[in-house]
Amino acid sequence: MTRSEVLDLMCEAARLPPGSIAGGERLDAIPGWDSLAGVEFEMLVLSHFDLDLDTMKVTEAETVPQLLALFDGRLED
């Protein structure tokens, strides 16, 4: 999985066009990102990559880089 693919899943969860999230944003600055988008992001990651993210860590994340860090080096550039 690539960083770009994960960012596009974040866009999908927030109901934004692909490419709308650059990767350095605060989650509260992303239009459409809320707790429901976080849950939807988790489900999208599970269905696309068969990776079950820690719900608590997703909820606690405040920035896109913090969410990307949950992938523990699995992301390709």
Protein backbone atom coordinates (compact mmCIF):
# COMPACT_ATOMS: atom_id res chain seq x y z
CA MET A 1 0.00 0.00 0.00
CA THR A 2 1.20 3.47 -0.76
CA ARG A 3 0.95 6.70 1.19
CA SER A 4 -1.10 8.12 -1.67
CA GLU A 5 -3.61 5.25 -1.49
CA VAL A 6 -4.08 5.80 2.24
CA LEU A 7 -4.53 9.55 1.76
CA ASP A 8 -7.16 8.83 -0.89
CA LEU A 9 -8.99 6.56 1.57
CA MET A 10 -8.94 9.44 4.04
CA CYS A 11 -10.45 11.65 1.33
CA GLU A 12 -13.14 9.07 0.68
CA ALA A 13 -13.98 8.85 4.39
CA ALA A 14 -14.26 12.65 4.60
CA ARG A 15 -16.27 12.80 1.35
CA LEU A 16 -13.59 14.81 -0.44
CA PRO A 17 -12.21 14.39 -3.96
CA PRO A 18 -9.09 12.20 -4.19
CA GLY A 19 -5.93 14.25 -3.72
CA SER A 20 -7.60 16.76 -1.38
CA ILE A 21 -5.46 15.72 1.60
CA ALA A 22 -1.75 16.47 1.18
CA GLY A 23 -0.50 14.63 4.25
CA GLY A 24 0.56 17.28 6.75
CA GLU A 25 -2.80 18.59 7.89
CA ARG A 26 -4.39 18.65 11.30
CA LEU A 27 -7.48 16.43 11.20
CA ASP A 28 -9.69 19.20 12.60
CA ALA A 29 -8.72 21.36 9.60
CA ILE A 30 -9.97 18.81 7.06
CA PRO A 31 -13.53 19.54 5.91
CA GLY A 32 -15.73 16.54 6.62
CA TRP A 33 -13.31 14.85 9.02
CA ASP A 34 -15.04 13.87 12.25
CA SER A 35 -15.34 10.79 14.45
CA LEU A 36 -17.58 9.09 11.90
CA ALA A 37 -15.01 9.71 9.16
CA GLY A 38 -12.39 8.14 11.43
CA VAL A 39 -14.49 4.99 11.81
CA GLU A 40 -15.17 4.89 8.09
CA PHE A 41 -11.44 5.30 7.42
CA GLU A 42 -10.74 2.30 9.66
CA MET A 43 -13.28 0.20 7.75
CA LEU A 44 -11.88 1.31 4.38
CA VAL A 45 -8.35 0.36 5.46
CA LEU A 46 -9.61 -3.03 6.65
CA SER A 47 -11.49 -3.75 3.42
CA HIS A 48 -8.76 -2.48 1.05
CA PHE A 49 -5.62 -3.66 2.84
CA ASP A 50 -6.86 -6.27 5.37
CA LEU A 51 -5.25 -4.18 8.11
CA ASP A 52 -7.11 -3.64 11.38
CA LEU A 53 -6.05 -0.30 12.89
CA ASP A 54 -6.28 0.34 16.63
CA THR A 55 -9.54 2.29 17.10
CA MET A 56 -8.26 4.15 20.15
CA LYS A 57 -5.14 5.31 18.31
CA VAL A 58 -7.20 6.47 15.32
CA THR A 59 -9.47 8.40 17.69
CA GLU A 60 -6.53 9.96 19.52
CA ALA A 61 -4.75 11.08 16.33
CA GLU A 62 -4.80 14.84 15.80
CA THR A 63 -2.87 15.03 12.54
CA VAL A 64 -2.57 13.15 9.27
CA PRO A 65 1.07 12.22 10.05
CA GLN A 66 -0.11 10.65 13.33
CA LEU A 67 -2.61 8.53 11.39
CA LEU A 68 0.00 7.55 8.83
CA ALA A 69 2.34 6.49 11.66
CA LEU A 70 -0.22 3.81 12.61
CA PHE A 71 0.82 1.91 9.50
CA ASP A 72 4.16 1.03 11.16
CA GLY A 73 6.42 1.30 8.13
CA ARG A 74 4.02 -0.58 5.84
CA LEU A 75 3.61 2.40 3.50
CA GLU A 76 5.51 2.78 0.28
CA ASP A 77 6.09 6.24 -1.16
